[in-house]
N, C-alpha and C. Protein backbone atom coordinates (compact mmCIF):
# COMPACT_ATOMS: atom_id res chain seq x y z
N MET A 1 0.98 -1.05 -0.27
CA MET A 1 -0.58 -0.33 -0.05
C MET A 1 0.76 1.14 -0.14
N PRO A 2 0.39 2.55 -1.44
CA PRO A 2 1.44 2.96 -1.07
C PRO A 2 0.89 3.85 0.03
N SER A 3 2.26 5.21 0.39
CA SER A 3 2.50 5.83 1.70
C SER A 3 1.96 7.38 1.61
N ILE A 4 1.68 8.10 2.06
CA ILE A 4 1.02 9.06 2.14
C ILE A 4 2.64 10.43 1.40
N ARG A 5 3.65 9.95 1.52
CA ARG A 5 4.82 10.21 0.96
C ARG A 5 4.96 10.22 -0.56
N ASP A 6 4.65 9.02 -0.92
CA ASP A 6 4.38 8.87 -2.31
C ASP A 6 3.31 9.43 -3.39
N VAL A 7 2.18 10.29 -2.34
CA VAL A 7 1.76 10.86 -2.95
C VAL A 7 2.02 12.34 -3.79
N ARG A 8 2.74 12.91 -3.15
CA ARG A 8 3.28 14.18 -3.55
C ARG A 8 3.82 14.10 -4.86
N PRO A 9 4.71 13.34 -5.21
CA PRO A 9 5.58 13.34 -6.50
C PRO A 9 4.72 12.93 -7.52
N ARG A 10 3.56 11.91 -6.98
CA ARG A 10 2.66 11.57 -8.15
C ARG A 10 2.09 12.80 -8.77
N LEU A 11 1.41 13.47 -7.84
CA LEU A 11 0.64 14.63 -8.15
C LEU A 11 1.34 15.66 -8.78
N LEU A 12 2.44 16.09 -8.31
CA LEU A 12 3.39 17.38 -9.02
C LEU A 12 4.13 16.90 -10.34
N THR A 13 3.55 15.99 -11.22
CA THR A 13 4.21 15.68 -12.24
C THR A 13 4.01 16.52 -13.56
N PRO A 14 5.05 17.12 -14.72
CA PRO A 14 4.53 18.16 -15.49
C PRO A 14 3.24 17.98 -16.11
N GLU A 15 2.87 16.92 -16.88
CA GLU A 15 1.34 16.41 -17.12
C GLU A 15 0.23 17.04 -16.40
N ASN A 16 0.24 16.54 -14.89
CA ASN A 16 -0.63 16.65 -14.26
C ASN A 16 -0.75 18.22 -13.87
N ALA A 17 0.55 19.02 -14.03
CA ALA A 17 0.83 20.62 -14.26
C ALA A 17 0.11 21.40 -15.31
N GLY A 18 0.25 20.72 -16.65
CA GLY A 18 -0.05 21.45 -17.76
C GLY A 18 -1.67 20.94 -17.86
N LEU A 19 -2.35 19.87 -17.17
CA LEU A 19 -3.44 19.49 -17.28
C LEU A 19 -4.42 20.76 -16.36
N THR A 20 -3.87 20.78 -15.60
CA THR A 20 -4.69 21.57 -14.65
C THR A 20 -4.51 23.09 -14.85
N VAL A 21 -3.28 23.77 -15.43
CA VAL A 21 -3.15 25.34 -16.02
C VAL A 21 -4.24 25.15 -17.26
N ALA A 22 -4.12 23.91 -18.30
CA ALA A 22 -5.07 24.12 -19.39
C ALA A 22 -6.66 24.24 -19.35
N VAL A 23 -6.62 23.33 -18.19
CA VAL A 23 -8.57 23.34 -17.25
C VAL A 23 -8.84 24.97 -16.78
N ALA A 24 -7.96 25.42 -15.92
CA ALA A 24 -8.16 26.48 -15.41
C ALA A 24 -8.28 27.77 -16.04
N LEU A 25 -7.35 27.74 -17.46
CA LEU A 25 -7.58 28.62 -18.31
C LEU A 25 -8.37 28.55 -19.44
N SER A 26 -8.57 27.43 -19.40
CA SER A 26 -9.92 27.13 -20.25
C SER A 26 -11.54 27.69 -19.72
N ILE A 27 -11.37 27.37 -18.82
CA ILE A 27 -12.68 28.19 -17.60
C ILE A 27 -12.95 29.59 -18.34
N VAL A 28 -11.68 30.40 -18.14
CA VAL A 28 -11.42 31.44 -18.17
C VAL A 28 -11.95 32.04 -19.69
N GLY A 29 -11.18 31.35 -20.52
CA GLY A 29 -11.50 31.44 -22.27
C GLY A 29 -12.91 31.29 -22.25
N ALA A 30 -13.60 30.20 -21.48
CA ALA A 30 -14.81 30.25 -22.33
C ALA A 30 -15.88 30.90 -21.68
N TYR A 31 -15.45 31.40 -20.42
CA TYR A 31 -16.21 32.38 -19.99
C TYR A 31 -16.10 33.87 -20.88
N VAL A 32 -14.95 34.30 -21.07
CA VAL A 32 -14.20 35.55 -21.87
C VAL A 32 -15.90 35.47 -23.35
N ILE A 33 -15.32 34.13 -23.68
CA ILE A 33 -16.03 33.70 -25.26
C ILE A 33 -17.59 34.11 -24.86
N GLN A 34 -18.19 33.43 -23.78
CA GLN A 34 -19.64 33.26 -23.51
C GLN A 34 -20.05 34.93 -23.34
N LEU A 35 -19.10 35.57 -22.56
CA LEU A 35 -19.48 37.24 -22.52
C LEU A 35 -19.63 37.80 -23.70
N ARG A 36 -18.92 37.46 -24.62
CA ARG A 36 -18.65 38.18 -25.93
C ARG A 36 -19.93 37.63 -26.99
N VAL A 37 -19.79 36.53 -27.04
CA VAL A 37 -20.55 35.90 -28.26
C VAL A 37 -22.14 35.69 -27.51
N SER A 38 -22.18 35.51 -26.82
CA SER A 38 -23.28 34.39 -26.01
C SER A 38 -24.41 33.59 -26.75
N ALA A 39 -23.27 33.07 -27.10
CA ALA A 39 -23.53 31.54 -27.89
C ALA A 39 -22.67 30.24 -26.84
N GLY A 40 -23.51 29.82 -26.47
CA GLY A 40 -23.05 28.18 -25.83
C GLY A 40 -22.10 27.56 -26.53
N VAL A 41 -22.76 27.35 -27.90
CA VAL A 41 -21.90 26.28 -28.48
C VAL A 41 -20.67 26.61 -29.00
N ALA A 42 -20.32 28.24 -29.06
CA ALA A 42 -18.58 28.96 -29.10
C ALA A 42 -17.78 28.81 -27.79
N ALA A 43 -18.54 29.01 -26.85
CA ALA A 43 -17.78 28.62 -25.66
C ALA A 43 -17.38 27.40 -25.10
N PHE A 44 -18.12 26.71 -25.35
CA PHE A 44 -18.12 25.10 -25.31
C PHE A 44 -16.81 24.63 -26.05
N LEU A 45 -17.20 24.85 -27.40
CA LEU A 45 -15.73 24.06 -28.25
C LEU A 45 -14.54 25.09 -27.81
N GLY A 46 -14.80 26.25 -27.03
CA GLY A 46 -13.25 26.82 -26.86
C GLY A 46 -13.08 26.19 -25.66
N LEU A 47 -13.78 26.06 -24.97
CA LEU A 47 -13.38 25.02 -23.27
C LEU A 47 -12.91 23.88 -24.08
N VAL A 48 -13.00 22.82 -24.52
CA VAL A 48 -12.98 21.94 -25.25
C VAL A 48 -11.34 21.96 -25.95
N ILE A 49 -11.23 23.08 -26.55
CA ILE A 49 -10.01 23.05 -27.59
C ILE A 49 -8.50 23.83 -26.17
N LEU A 50 -9.26 24.41 -25.40
CA LEU A 50 -7.99 24.78 -24.86
C LEU A 50 -8.09 23.87 -23.43
N GLY A 51 -8.97 23.09 -22.90
CA GLY A 51 -8.81 22.32 -21.70
C GLY A 51 -8.13 20.82 -21.88
N VAL A 52 -8.78 20.55 -23.39
CA VAL A 52 -8.53 18.96 -23.92
C VAL A 52 -7.98 18.75 -24.87
N SER A 53 -7.68 19.66 -26.05
CA SER A 53 -7.12 19.53 -27.03
C SER A 53 -5.69 19.98 -26.84
N THR A 54 -5.55 21.08 -26.32
CA THR A 54 -4.08 21.93 -26.33
C THR A 54 -3.19 20.75 -25.16
N PRO A 55 -3.62 20.47 -24.06
CA PRO A 55 -2.73 19.60 -23.17
C PRO A 55 -2.30 18.13 -23.84
N THR A 56 -3.31 17.86 -24.38
CA THR A 56 -3.34 16.36 -24.84
C THR A 56 -2.37 16.62 -25.88
N THR A 57 -2.06 17.54 -26.76
CA THR A 57 -1.45 18.10 -27.97
C THR A 57 0.19 17.70 -27.35
N LEU A 58 0.60 18.76 -26.24
CA LEU A 58 1.42 19.17 -25.68
C LEU A 58 1.93 17.60 -25.27
N THR A 59 1.27 16.94 -24.50
CA THR A 59 1.66 15.69 -24.02
C THR A 59 2.19 14.68 -24.86
N SER A 60 1.17 14.52 -26.09
CA SER A 60 1.68 13.70 -27.00
C SER A 60 2.50 13.95 -27.91
N HIS A 61 3.42 14.95 -27.94
CA HIS A 61 4.67 15.36 -28.55
C HIS A 61 5.27 15.83 -27.79
N ASP A 62 5.40 15.18 -26.52
CA ASP A 62 6.75 15.85 -25.52
C ASP A 62 6.97 17.02 -25.48
N LEU A 63 6.13 17.71 -25.48
CA LEU A 63 6.44 19.56 -25.39
C LEU A 63 6.34 20.17 -24.22
N LEU A 64 5.83 19.57 -23.09
CA LEU A 64 6.12 19.82 -21.82
C LEU A 64 7.22 19.85 -20.87
N GLY A 65 8.05 19.56 -21.58
CA GLY A 65 9.54 19.20 -20.95
C GLY A 65 9.42 18.19 -19.72
N THR A 66 10.44 18.54 -18.66
CA THR A 66 10.48 17.84 -17.51
C THR A 66 10.21 17.93 -16.33
N ARG A 67 10.43 19.36 -15.83
CA ARG A 67 10.18 19.98 -14.67
C ARG A 67 8.98 20.80 -14.88
N PHE A 68 8.27 20.71 -13.39
CA PHE A 68 7.03 21.56 -13.08
C PHE A 68 7.22 22.69 -13.76
N THR A 69 7.87 23.99 -13.31
CA THR A 69 7.47 24.99 -13.79
C THR A 69 7.43 25.25 -15.61
N ALA A 70 8.46 24.20 -16.43
CA ALA A 70 8.52 24.37 -17.93
C ALA A 70 7.24 24.43 -18.13
N ALA A 71 6.39 22.98 -17.19
CA ALA A 71 5.09 22.78 -17.92
C ALA A 71 3.97 23.33 -18.20
N VAL A 72 4.17 24.44 -16.48
CA VAL A 72 3.33 25.18 -16.47
C VAL A 72 3.32 26.42 -17.36
N VAL A 73 4.82 27.27 -17.55
CA VAL A 73 4.71 27.96 -18.51
C VAL A 73 4.31 27.73 -20.12
N ARG A 74 4.94 26.29 -20.37
CA ARG A 74 4.59 26.05 -21.87
C ARG A 74 2.85 25.99 -22.21
N THR A 75 2.53 25.19 -20.92
CA THR A 75 0.96 25.15 -21.28
C THR A 75 0.38 26.52 -21.58
N GLY A 76 0.81 27.34 -20.20
CA GLY A 76 0.02 28.88 -20.25
C GLY A 76 0.44 29.50 -21.74
N ALA A 77 1.72 29.56 -22.36
CA ALA A 77 1.48 29.83 -23.36
C ALA A 77 1.15 29.31 -24.88
N ALA A 78 0.90 28.11 -24.48
CA ALA A 78 0.14 27.66 -25.74
C ALA A 78 -1.12 27.56 -25.91
N CYS A 79 -1.92 27.74 -24.54
CA CYS A 79 -3.31 27.78 -24.56
C CYS A 79 -3.71 29.26 -24.88
N THR A 80 -2.76 30.24 -24.40
CA THR A 80 -3.02 31.75 -24.80
C THR A 80 -2.93 31.97 -26.42
N ALA A 81 -1.89 30.88 -26.96
CA ALA A 81 -1.84 31.34 -28.46
C ALA A 81 -3.31 30.18 -29.29
N THR A 82 -3.35 29.24 -28.35
CA THR A 82 -4.74 28.88 -29.17
C THR A 82 -5.94 29.46 -29.00
N PHE A 83 -5.96 29.90 -27.70
CA PHE A 83 -7.28 31.32 -27.67
C PHE A 83 -7.26 31.98 -28.23
N VAL A 84 -6.07 32.82 -28.61
CA VAL A 84 -6.24 33.64 -29.70
C VAL A 84 -6.21 33.14 -31.50
N ILE A 85 -5.71 32.14 -31.57
CA ILE A 85 -6.20 31.82 -32.79
C ILE A 85 -7.60 31.16 -32.96
N TYR A 86 -7.79 30.65 -31.77
CA TYR A 86 -9.18 30.34 -31.82
C TYR A 86 -10.46 31.39 -32.44
N VAL A 87 -10.13 32.47 -31.09
CA VAL A 87 -11.20 33.36 -31.26
C VAL A 87 -11.16 34.60 -32.52
N GLY A 88 -9.92 34.62 -33.57
CA GLY A 88 -9.45 34.54 -34.40
C GLY A 88 -10.53 34.21 -35.94
N ALA A 89 -10.19 32.53 -35.44
CA ALA A 89 -10.96 32.21 -36.77
C ALA A 89 -12.43 32.42 -36.33
N LEU A 90 -12.89 32.15 -35.19
CA LEU A 90 -14.38 32.49 -34.91
C LEU A 90 -14.78 33.78 -35.68
N MET A 91 -13.94 34.86 -35.35
CA MET A 91 -14.30 36.13 -35.70
C MET A 91 -14.29 36.00 -37.64
N PHE A 92 -13.09 35.62 -38.15
CA PHE A 92 -13.36 35.34 -39.53
C PHE A 92 -13.95 34.58 -40.23
N VAL A 93 -14.25 33.33 -39.44
CA VAL A 93 -15.87 32.48 -39.81
C VAL A 93 -17.07 32.73 -39.61
N SER A 94 -17.21 33.02 -38.61
CA SER A 94 -18.75 33.24 -38.32
C SER A 94 -19.27 34.70 -38.06
N GLY A 95 -18.11 35.82 -38.21
CA GLY A 95 -18.40 36.91 -37.18
C GLY A 95 -19.13 37.45 -36.60
N TRP A 96 -18.54 36.53 -35.23
CA TRP A 96 -19.14 36.93 -33.80
C TRP A 96 -20.39 36.51 -33.47
N ASP A 97 -21.16 35.57 -34.88
CA ASP A 97 -22.58 35.25 -34.29
C ASP A 97 -22.51 33.95 -33.61
N GLY A 98 -21.34 33.16 -33.28
CA GLY A 98 -21.40 31.94 -32.76
C GLY A 98 -22.34 30.63 -32.99
N GLY A 99 -22.75 30.83 -33.90
CA GLY A 99 -23.32 29.71 -34.74
C GLY A 99 -22.49 28.23 -34.45
N PHE A 100 -23.19 27.30 -34.28
CA PHE A 100 -22.41 26.43 -34.64
C PHE A 100 -22.06 25.67 -35.76
N LEU A 101 -21.85 25.75 -37.14
CA LEU A 101 -21.42 25.91 -38.12
C LEU A 101 -20.06 26.72 -37.57
N GLY A 102 -20.33 28.10 -38.06
CA GLY A 102 -19.11 28.62 -37.60
C GLY A 102 -17.86 28.30 -36.36
N ALA A 103 -18.48 28.18 -35.22
CA ALA A 103 -17.61 27.70 -34.29
C ALA A 103 -16.96 26.10 -34.53
N ALA A 104 -17.41 25.17 -35.05
CA ALA A 104 -17.30 23.85 -35.61
C ALA A 104 -16.16 24.20 -36.30
N VAL A 105 -16.29 24.98 -37.41
CA VAL A 105 -15.19 25.30 -38.44
C VAL A 105 -14.15 26.11 -37.36
N ALA A 106 -14.53 26.71 -37.08
CA ALA A 106 -13.24 27.60 -35.96
C ALA A 106 -12.35 26.93 -35.24
N PHE A 107 -13.28 25.65 -34.45
CA PHE A 107 -12.37 24.77 -33.83
C PHE A 107 -11.71 23.83 -34.38
N ALA A 108 -12.31 22.81 -35.93
CA ALA A 108 -11.23 22.21 -36.92
C ALA A 108 -10.36 23.25 -36.91
N LEU A 109 -10.00 24.03 -37.66
CA LEU A 109 -9.03 24.61 -37.88
C LEU A 109 -7.82 25.09 -37.04
N THR A 110 -8.30 25.31 -35.97
CA THR A 110 -7.68 25.74 -34.54
C THR A 110 -6.81 24.45 -34.03
N ALA A 111 -7.60 23.38 -34.28
CA ALA A 111 -7.10 22.07 -33.69
C ALA A 111 -6.00 21.74 -34.84
N LEU A 112 -6.71 21.65 -35.80
CA LEU A 112 -5.21 21.63 -37.29
C LEU A 112 -4.19 22.44 -37.23
N GLY A 113 -4.15 23.33 -36.70
CA GLY A 113 -2.98 24.52 -36.38
C GLY A 113 -2.53 24.23 -35.34
N VAL A 114 -3.04 24.22 -34.03
CA VAL A 114 -2.13 23.78 -32.93
C VAL A 114 -1.43 22.19 -33.18
N GLU A 115 -1.69 21.03 -33.78
CA GLU A 115 -1.16 19.90 -33.98
C GLU A 115 -0.01 20.38 -35.13
N ALA A 116 -0.75 20.96 -36.24
CA ALA A 116 0.74 20.92 -37.28
C ALA A 116 1.65 22.26 -36.57
N THR A 117 1.61 22.90 -35.59
CA THR A 117 2.52 23.73 -34.77
C THR A 117 3.75 22.61 -33.92
N ALA A 118 2.58 22.10 -33.56
CA ALA A 118 3.35 20.84 -32.48
C ALA A 118 4.23 20.06 -33.08
N ARG A 119 3.84 19.59 -34.10
CA ARG A 119 4.70 18.42 -35.45
C ARG A 119 5.76 19.19 -35.61
N THR A 120 5.99 20.62 -36.10
CA THR A 120 7.07 21.41 -36.50
C THR A 120 7.99 21.52 -35.04
N LEU A 121 7.30 21.85 -33.83
CA LEU A 121 8.61 21.72 -32.98
C LEU A 121 8.78 21.22 -32.25
N GLU A 122 8.25 19.98 -32.49
CA GLU A 122 8.93 18.11 -32.22
C GLU A 122 10.02 18.16 -32.89
């Protein structure tokens, strides 16, 4: 049975730090999108792209690093860039109406852009 001393090193991994930062930033990002667009689908897809897609891409391409602080900084920078790309694509595609089709296209373009950028950085 693992002791309490083993819990801290297991919790404070770069992957957990990156996921925690991404989820926190995705909540803020979705709230900002919801305030501006007033469409739930655009905010929800923003939540998914920031909180799920970005940390998954960083982890799968080994871009988080091995240190806790590096993972926090890299995830914060990646989520900020992803948010800017998603909002820009949302504005370009749907003109801020936040409809399902425009939000889905912005989501797909952003996910493809993040994946392409991760592959180049690899």
